């Protein structure tokens, strides 16, 4: 209807970007490929994103029942223009 907003007008570009990252993590893939995940955010948020991606790999995916050792390994491939992202790799 006319009163409803589309996602493109309701969310900022940073919010859309964060939503895409969240959707990728929720899917809990074995391999997660992300192009410049920190591009549209400030330095503090970029650090949180990089830490979250590192945790995703270290804990073999999102938090689930069961032992971490029994989960399949996870890989995160990302591109970045920030040194912060490269330090975490």
Protein backbone atom coordinates (compact mmCIF):
# COMPACT_ATOMS: atom_id res chain seq x y z
CA UNK A 1 0.00 0.00 0.00
CA UNK A 2 0.96 3.66 -0.19
CA UNK A 3 1.63 3.84 3.57
CA UNK A 4 4.31 1.13 3.51
CA UNK A 5 7.96 2.02 2.99
CA UNK A 6 10.24 -0.05 0.86
CA UNK A 7 13.42 -1.39 2.45
CA UNK A 8 15.49 0.84 0.22
CA UNK A 9 13.89 3.97 1.64
CA UNK A 10 13.47 2.76 5.25
CA UNK A 11 17.11 1.77 5.85
CA UNK A 12 20.31 3.75 5.45
CA UNK A 13 23.10 2.30 3.31
CA UNK A 14 25.00 1.32 6.48
CA UNK A 15 21.93 -0.47 7.86
CA UNK A 16 21.42 -2.32 4.57
CA UNK A 17 25.06 -3.39 4.61
CA UNK A 18 24.83 -4.64 8.21
CA UNK A 19 21.63 -6.51 7.38
CA UNK A 20 23.37 -8.31 4.51
CA UNK A 21 26.23 -9.35 6.83
CA UNK A 22 23.73 -10.59 9.43
CA UNK A 23 21.84 -12.60 6.80
CA UNK A 24 25.10 -14.19 5.67
CA UNK A 25 26.03 -15.18 9.22
CA UNK A 26 22.57 -16.54 10.02
CA UNK A 27 22.83 -18.85 7.00
CA UNK A 28 25.86 -20.35 8.82
CA UNK A 29 27.74 -21.34 5.65
CA UNK A 30 30.95 -23.37 5.58
CA UNK A 31 32.50 -20.63 3.42
CA UNK A 32 31.44 -16.99 3.78
CA UNK A 33 32.63 -14.54 1.10
CA UNK A 34 32.17 -10.85 1.86
CA UNK A 35 33.27 -7.93 -0.31
CA UNK A 36 34.42 -4.98 1.83
CA UNK A 37 32.28 -5.65 4.94
CA UNK A 38 33.58 -2.53 6.70
CA UNK A 39 33.24 -0.07 3.83
CA UNK A 40 30.02 1.71 4.87
CA UNK A 41 30.61 1.92 8.63
CA UNK A 42 32.72 3.92 11.07
CA UNK A 43 35.94 2.57 12.60
CA UNK A 44 34.31 1.34 15.84
CA UNK A 45 31.62 -0.60 13.97
CA UNK A 46 34.23 -1.93 11.55
CA UNK A 47 36.16 -3.37 14.48
CA UNK A 48 33.01 -5.08 15.79
CA UNK A 49 32.33 -6.58 12.35
CA UNK A 50 35.87 -7.90 11.98
CA UNK A 51 35.79 -9.35 15.51
CA UNK A 52 32.45 -11.01 14.76
CA UNK A 53 33.78 -12.57 11.56
CA UNK A 54 36.86 -13.82 13.44
CA UNK A 55 34.58 -15.32 16.11
CA UNK A 56 32.48 -16.96 13.38
CA UNK A 57 35.59 -18.77 12.10
CA UNK A 58 37.07 -19.55 15.54
CA UNK A 59 33.80 -20.99 16.89
CA UNK A 60 33.06 -22.88 13.68
CA UNK A 61 29.89 -20.96 12.91
CA UNK A 62 27.16 -19.32 14.90
CA UNK A 63 26.39 -20.44 18.45
CA UNK A 64 24.67 -23.81 18.43
CA UNK A 65 24.14 -26.72 20.77
CA UNK A 66 26.93 -29.23 20.72
CA UNK A 67 30.66 -29.25 21.03
CA UNK A 68 32.70 -26.87 18.87
CA UNK A 69 35.16 -29.66 18.01
CA UNK A 70 32.40 -31.67 16.32
CA UNK A 71 31.36 -28.80 14.01
CA UNK A 72 32.73 -28.42 10.52
CA UNK A 73 35.38 -25.67 10.15
CA UNK A 74 34.29 -22.30 8.76
CA UNK A 75 36.16 -20.07 6.35
CA UNK A 76 35.63 -16.36 5.83
CA UNK A 77 37.02 -14.72 2.71
CA UNK A 78 36.84 -10.94 2.65
CA UNK A 79 38.19 -7.99 0.76
CA UNK A 80 39.04 -4.77 2.53
CA UNK A 81 40.69 -1.41 2.20
CA UNK A 82 41.12 -1.04 5.99
CA UNK A 83 44.26 -2.28 7.73
CA UNK A 84 42.10 -3.32 10.69
CA UNK A 85 40.47 -6.04 8.64
CA UNK A 86 43.80 -7.38 7.46
CA UNK A 87 45.19 -7.54 11.00
CA UNK A 88 42.38 -9.91 12.01
CA UNK A 89 43.16 -12.25 9.14
